[in-house]
Structure formats: structure tokens, C-alpha cells
């Protein structure tokens, strides 16, 4: 891997964070944390990819590292970062040595059973817990402010 998590967490892009605050004022107070979550997602996703490639027979690594629907706020931050195309490209090259593509439909074109979805999520959560801790599992799988107001 090109970078450590601490190096990645030291990266900030004020333009992205401020744009998120402007575009999503209900979640503006969480913008800094969401940017941190995005950086952490990038790092963990790349870590998983490299581990899976070097250990193809390990069952616990046999899952798709996804941006789950419950992580929508983090995905919104990624979308904003993508608007800063040159900065995003430079960031990817510096920290990962390659462009990190945003793939909205990472699930292959095949029939997927609820069991498949559940197993993928279970392995994903387990991986996040083991590599990042319970705090990140809780942060990534919480209600957005709009959802919390609706409840």
C-alpha cells in the first residue's frame, strides 16, 4: 500500500469540506468527520483489495468492499471530492499510486440472493471492525440527520 492510515488522515481538502457544508447544511457539523470517514474508507478499501489479491483462499476476505446505503453521507462527500477532478486525481496518485474509481454498481450482473447480500455485509462489517474498530462500524452505520428527524 502506498500510504499509512495516519498519513491519509492528515490530508485535508478545505474546498471539498466547505462544499459539503454548503450543499448539505443539515449535516454541516459532521463534515470534518465525514471527510475523515471517507479517507478511512479509501484506506480500508485499498487494504482489503491488496489482502484479497495476495490471499485469494482466505474465506473472510471473499467479499466486496462496498459503500453501503447506510454510508450515504460518506458517499456524498466522495461525490463532492470527484468534482475537484485534478485534486482528486493528484490525491489518488500521491496516496495510492493509482486512480480510485467510484463504481456505483459494484455488484456483478447476476442474481443475488438476500443471503448473498447478508453474507457480504457480515464479512464487510467484520473486516471494518477488525481493522478499524467498533467506533467506525457505529459511525458508518448510523442514521443521517434527515432520517433521525423522520423517526
C-alpha atoms as a PDB file:
ATOM      1  CA  UNK A   1       0.000   0.000   0.000  1.00  0.00           C
ATOM      2  CA  UNK A   2       1.237   3.471  -0.838  1.00  0.00           C
ATOM      3  CA  UNK A   3       0.341   5.130   2.467  1.00  0.00           C
ATOM      4  CA  UNK A   4      -0.456   4.587   6.102  1.00  0.00           C
ATOM      5  CA  UNK A   5      -3.809   5.433   7.596  1.00  0.00           C
ATOM      6  CA  UNK A   6      -2.243   8.210   9.690  1.00  0.00           C
ATOM      7  CA  UNK A   7      -0.708   9.819   6.608  1.00  0.00           C
ATOM      8  CA  UNK A   8      -4.040   9.688   4.861  1.00  0.00           C
ATOM      9  CA  UNK A   9      -5.912  11.120   7.840  1.00  0.00           C
ATOM     10  CA  UNK A  10      -3.537  14.088   7.842  1.00  0.00           C
ATOM     11  CA  UNK A  11      -4.786  15.013   4.337  1.00  0.00           C
ATOM     12  CA  UNK A  12      -7.419  17.757   4.210  1.00  0.00           C
ATOM     13  CA  UNK A  13      -9.191  19.467   1.350  1.00  0.00           C
ATOM     14  CA  UNK A  14     -10.978  22.555   2.621  1.00  0.00           C
ATOM     15  CA  UNK A  15     -12.751  23.099  -0.691  1.00  0.00           C
ATOM     16  CA  UNK A  16     -14.404  19.676  -0.506  1.00  0.00           C
ATOM     17  CA  UNK A  17     -15.346  20.061   3.148  1.00  0.00           C
ATOM     18  CA  UNK A  18     -16.759  23.569   2.658  1.00  0.00           C
ATOM     19  CA  UNK A  19     -18.707  22.500  -0.422  1.00  0.00           C
ATOM     20  CA  UNK A  20     -20.222  19.620   1.569  1.00  0.00           C
ATOM     21  CA  UNK A  21     -21.268  22.057   4.313  1.00  0.00           C
ATOM     22  CA  UNK A  22     -22.895  24.319   1.721  1.00  0.00           C
ATOM     23  CA  UNK A  23     -24.642  21.512  -0.182  1.00  0.00           C
ATOM     24  CA  UNK A  24     -25.772  19.573   2.898  1.00  0.00           C
ATOM     25  CA  UNK A  25     -26.362  22.148   5.648  1.00  0.00           C
ATOM     26  CA  UNK A  26     -28.260  19.665   7.838  1.00  0.00           C
ATOM     27  CA  UNK A  27     -25.038  17.638   8.150  1.00  0.00           C
ATOM     28  CA  UNK A  28     -22.582  20.566   8.076  1.00  0.00           C
ATOM     29  CA  UNK A  29     -21.487  19.968  11.675  1.00  0.00           C
ATOM     30  CA  UNK A  30     -20.332  16.472  10.698  1.00  0.00           C
ATOM     31  CA  UNK A  31     -18.451  17.468   7.537  1.00  0.00           C
ATOM     32  CA  UNK A  32     -14.968  17.137   9.062  1.00  0.00           C
ATOM     33  CA  UNK A  33     -15.818  13.699  10.493  1.00  0.00           C
ATOM     34  CA  UNK A  34     -17.329  12.583   7.188  1.00  0.00           C
ATOM     35  CA  UNK A  35     -14.187  13.632   5.334  1.00  0.00           C
ATOM     36  CA  UNK A  36     -12.163  11.585   7.837  1.00  0.00           C
ATOM     37  CA  UNK A  37     -14.545   8.681   7.265  1.00  0.00           C
ATOM     38  CA  UNK A  38     -14.036   8.961   3.514  1.00  0.00           C
ATOM     39  CA  UNK A  39     -10.255   8.882   3.906  1.00  0.00           C
ATOM     40  CA  UNK A  40     -10.612   5.859   6.186  1.00  0.00           C
ATOM     41  CA  UNK A  41     -12.924   4.157   3.689  1.00  0.00           C
ATOM     42  CA  UNK A  42     -10.365   4.678   0.916  1.00  0.00           C
ATOM     43  CA  UNK A  43      -7.577   3.224   3.055  1.00  0.00           C
ATOM     44  CA  UNK A  44      -9.585   0.213   4.261  1.00  0.00           C
ATOM     45  CA  UNK A  45     -10.927  -0.473   0.766  1.00  0.00           C
ATOM     46  CA  UNK A  46      -7.436  -0.497  -0.723  1.00  0.00           C
ATOM     47  CA  UNK A  47      -6.100  -2.580   2.179  1.00  0.00           C
ATOM     48  CA  UNK A  48      -8.856  -5.135   1.607  1.00  0.00           C
ATOM     49  CA  UNK A  49      -8.175  -5.232  -2.146  1.00  0.00           C
ATOM     50  CA  UNK A  50      -4.462  -5.903  -1.633  1.00  0.00           C
ATOM     51  CA  UNK A  51      -5.056  -8.516   1.072  1.00  0.00           C
ATOM     52  CA  UNK A  52      -7.647 -10.285  -1.047  1.00  0.00           C
ATOM     53  CA  UNK A  53      -5.314 -10.392  -4.053  1.00  0.00           C
ATOM     54  CA  UNK A  54      -2.425 -11.784  -2.027  1.00  0.00           C
ATOM     55  CA  UNK A  55      -4.613 -14.252  -0.067  1.00  0.00           C
ATOM     56  CA  UNK A  56      -7.289 -15.483  -2.515  1.00  0.00           C
ATOM     57  CA  UNK A  57      -8.064 -18.593  -0.441  1.00  0.00           C
ATOM     58  CA  UNK A  58      -8.963 -16.779   2.789  1.00  0.00           C
ATOM     59  CA  UNK A  59     -12.742 -17.012   3.085  1.00  0.00           C
ATOM     60  CA  UNK A  60     -13.103 -13.943   5.335  1.00  0.00           C
ATOM     61  CA  UNK A  61     -11.611 -11.761   2.603  1.00  0.00           C
ATOM     62  CA  UNK A  62     -14.006 -13.068  -0.046  1.00  0.00           C
ATOM     63  CA  UNK A  63     -16.411 -10.144  -0.146  1.00  0.00           C
ATOM     64  CA  UNK A  64     -16.954  -6.894  -1.995  1.00  0.00           C
ATOM     65  CA  UNK A  65     -15.839  -3.793  -0.093  1.00  0.00           C
ATOM     66  CA  UNK A  66     -18.839  -1.595  -0.727  1.00  0.00           C
ATOM     67  CA  UNK A  67     -20.159   1.831   0.094  1.00  0.00           C
ATOM     68  CA  UNK A  68     -23.304   0.553   1.787  1.00  0.00           C
ATOM     69  CA  UNK A  69     -26.529   2.550   1.536  1.00  0.00           C
ATOM     70  CA  UNK A  70     -26.250   3.416   5.230  1.00  0.00           C
ATOM     71  CA  UNK A  71     -22.992   5.180   4.423  1.00  0.00           C
ATOM     72  CA  UNK A  72     -24.711   7.610   2.060  1.00  0.00           C
ATOM     73  CA  UNK A  73     -23.289  10.704   3.769  1.00  0.00           C
ATOM     74  CA  UNK A  74     -19.752   9.453   3.148  1.00  0.00           C
ATOM     75  CA  UNK A  75     -20.645   8.699  -0.463  1.00  0.00           C
ATOM     76  CA  UNK A  76     -21.930  12.260  -0.859  1.00  0.00           C
ATOM     77  CA  UNK A  77     -18.554  13.508   0.364  1.00  0.00           C
ATOM     78  CA  UNK A  78     -16.854  11.293  -2.246  1.00  0.00           C
ATOM     79  CA  UNK A  79     -19.093  12.734  -4.978  1.00  0.00           C
ATOM     80  CA  UNK A  80     -18.043  16.244  -3.997  1.00  0.00           C
ATOM     81  CA  UNK A  81     -14.374  15.269  -3.969  1.00  0.00           C
ATOM     82  CA  UNK A  82     -14.828  13.900  -7.502  1.00  0.00           C
ATOM     83  CA  UNK A  83     -15.936  17.372  -8.635  1.00  0.00           C
ATOM     84  CA  UNK A  84     -12.412  18.567  -7.886  1.00  0.00           C
ATOM     85  CA  UNK A  85     -11.123  16.298 -10.628  1.00  0.00           C
ATOM     86  CA  UNK A  86      -7.486  17.385 -10.730  1.00  0.00           C
ATOM     87  CA  UNK A  87      -7.179  17.459  -6.950  1.00  0.00           C
ATOM     88  CA  UNK A  88      -8.830  14.050  -6.688  1.00  0.00           C
ATOM     89  CA  UNK A  89      -6.573  12.579  -9.362  1.00  0.00           C
ATOM     90  CA  UNK A  90      -3.466  14.043  -7.688  1.00  0.00           C
ATOM     91  CA  UNK A  91      -4.640  12.729  -4.295  1.00  0.00           C
ATOM     92  CA  UNK A  92      -5.148   9.212  -5.652  1.00  0.00           C
ATOM     93  CA  UNK A  93      -1.763   9.166  -7.347  1.00  0.00           C
ATOM     94  CA  UNK A  94       0.088  10.510  -4.304  1.00  0.00           C
ATOM     95  CA  UNK A  95      -1.507   8.238  -1.708  1.00  0.00           C
ATOM     96  CA  UNK A  96      -2.376   5.102  -3.697  1.00  0.00           C
ATOM     97  CA  UNK A  97      -0.316   5.212  -6.857  1.00  0.00           C
ATOM     98  CA  UNK A  98      -3.447   4.826  -8.965  1.00  0.00           C
ATOM     99  CA  UNK A  99      -6.845   6.364  -9.584  1.00  0.00           C
ATOM    100  CA  UNK A 100      -9.538   5.138  -7.180  1.00  0.00           C
ATOM    101  CA  UNK A 101     -12.637   4.751  -9.312  1.00  0.00           C
ATOM    102  CA  UNK A 102     -16.087   5.370  -7.925  1.00  0.00           C
ATOM    103  CA  UNK A 103     -18.120   2.393  -9.076  1.00  0.00           C
ATOM    104  CA  UNK A 104     -21.803   2.895  -8.262  1.00  0.00           C
ATOM    105  CA  UNK A 105     -22.785  -0.643  -9.249  1.00  0.00           C
ATOM    106  CA  UNK A 106     -20.053  -2.923  -7.940  1.00  0.00           C
ATOM    107  CA  UNK A 107     -22.307  -5.945  -7.729  1.00  0.00           C
ATOM    108  CA  UNK A 108     -21.837  -8.094 -10.838  1.00  0.00           C
ATOM    109  CA  UNK A 109     -24.753  -8.611 -13.204  1.00  0.00           C
ATOM    110  CA  UNK A 110     -26.009 -11.800 -11.642  1.00  0.00           C
ATOM    111  CA  UNK A 111     -28.868 -12.867  -9.463  1.00  0.00           C
ATOM    112  CA  UNK A 112     -28.053 -12.112  -5.869  1.00  0.00           C
ATOM    113  CA  UNK A 113     -29.999 -13.685  -3.075  1.00  0.00           C
ATOM    114  CA  UNK A 114     -30.733 -11.959   0.223  1.00  0.00           C
ATOM    115  CA  UNK A 115     -28.336 -14.499   1.749  1.00  0.00           C
ATOM    116  CA  UNK A 116     -25.524 -13.296  -0.562  1.00  0.00           C
ATOM    117  CA  UNK A 117     -26.176  -9.675   0.415  1.00  0.00           C
ATOM    118  CA  UNK A 118     -26.297 -10.584   4.095  1.00  0.00           C
ATOM    119  CA  UNK A 119     -23.069 -12.603   3.924  1.00  0.00           C
ATOM    120  CA  UNK A 120     -21.243  -9.797   2.106  1.00  0.00           C
ATOM    121  CA  UNK A 121     -22.400  -7.248   4.675  1.00  0.00           C
ATOM    122  CA  UNK A 122     -21.446  -9.542   7.531  1.00  0.00           C
ATOM    123  CA  UNK A 123     -17.912 -10.025   6.163  1.00  0.00           C
ATOM    124  CA  UNK A 124     -17.629  -6.306   5.403  1.00  0.00           C
ATOM    125  CA  UNK A 125     -18.644  -5.332   8.942  1.00  0.00           C
ATOM    126  CA  UNK A 126     -16.323  -7.931  10.425  1.00  0.00           C
ATOM    127  CA  UNK A 127     -13.422  -6.603   8.370  1.00  0.00           C
ATOM    128  CA  UNK A 128     -14.143  -3.000   9.327  1.00  0.00           C
ATOM    129  CA  UNK A 129     -14.451  -3.972  12.992  1.00  0.00           C
ATOM    130  CA  UNK A 130     -11.189  -5.958  12.941  1.00  0.00           C
ATOM    131  CA  UNK A 131      -9.214  -3.276  11.095  1.00  0.00           C
ATOM    132  CA  UNK A 132     -10.761  -0.023  12.305  1.00  0.00           C
ATOM    133  CA  UNK A 133     -12.696  -0.855  15.457  1.00  0.00           C
ATOM    134  CA  UNK A 134     -16.230  -0.653  16.722  1.00  0.00           C
ATOM    135  CA  UNK A 135     -16.332   3.152  16.522  1.00  0.00           C
ATOM    136  CA  UNK A 136     -16.134   3.084  12.733  1.00  0.00           C
ATOM    137  CA  UNK A 137     -18.799   0.408  12.425  1.00  0.00           C
ATOM    138  CA  UNK A 138     -21.107   2.575  14.535  1.00  0.00           C
ATOM    139  CA  UNK A 139     -20.208   5.774  12.672  1.00  0.00           C
ATOM    140  CA  UNK A 140     -20.678   4.259   9.235  1.00  0.00           C
ATOM    141  CA  UNK A 141     -23.977   2.600  10.103  1.00  0.00           C
ATOM    142  CA  UNK A 142     -25.968   5.328  11.748  1.00  0.00           C
ATOM    143  CA  UNK A 143     -28.988   7.336  10.743  1.00  0.00           C
ATOM    144  CA  UNK A 144     -28.488  10.535   8.795  1.00  0.00           C
ATOM    145  CA  UNK A 145     -29.866  13.685  10.397  1.00  0.00           C
ATOM    146  CA  UNK A 146     -32.825  13.622   7.960  1.00  0.00           C
ATOM    147  CA  UNK A 147     -33.614  10.004   8.884  1.00  0.00           C
ATOM    148  CA  UNK A 148     -33.281  10.747  12.590  1.00  0.00           C
ATOM    149  CA  UNK A 149     -35.748  13.656  12.273  1.00  0.00           C
ATOM    150  CA  UNK A 150     -38.228  11.393  10.447  1.00  0.00           C
ATOM    151  CA  UNK A 151     -38.155   8.779  13.236  1.00  0.00           C
END
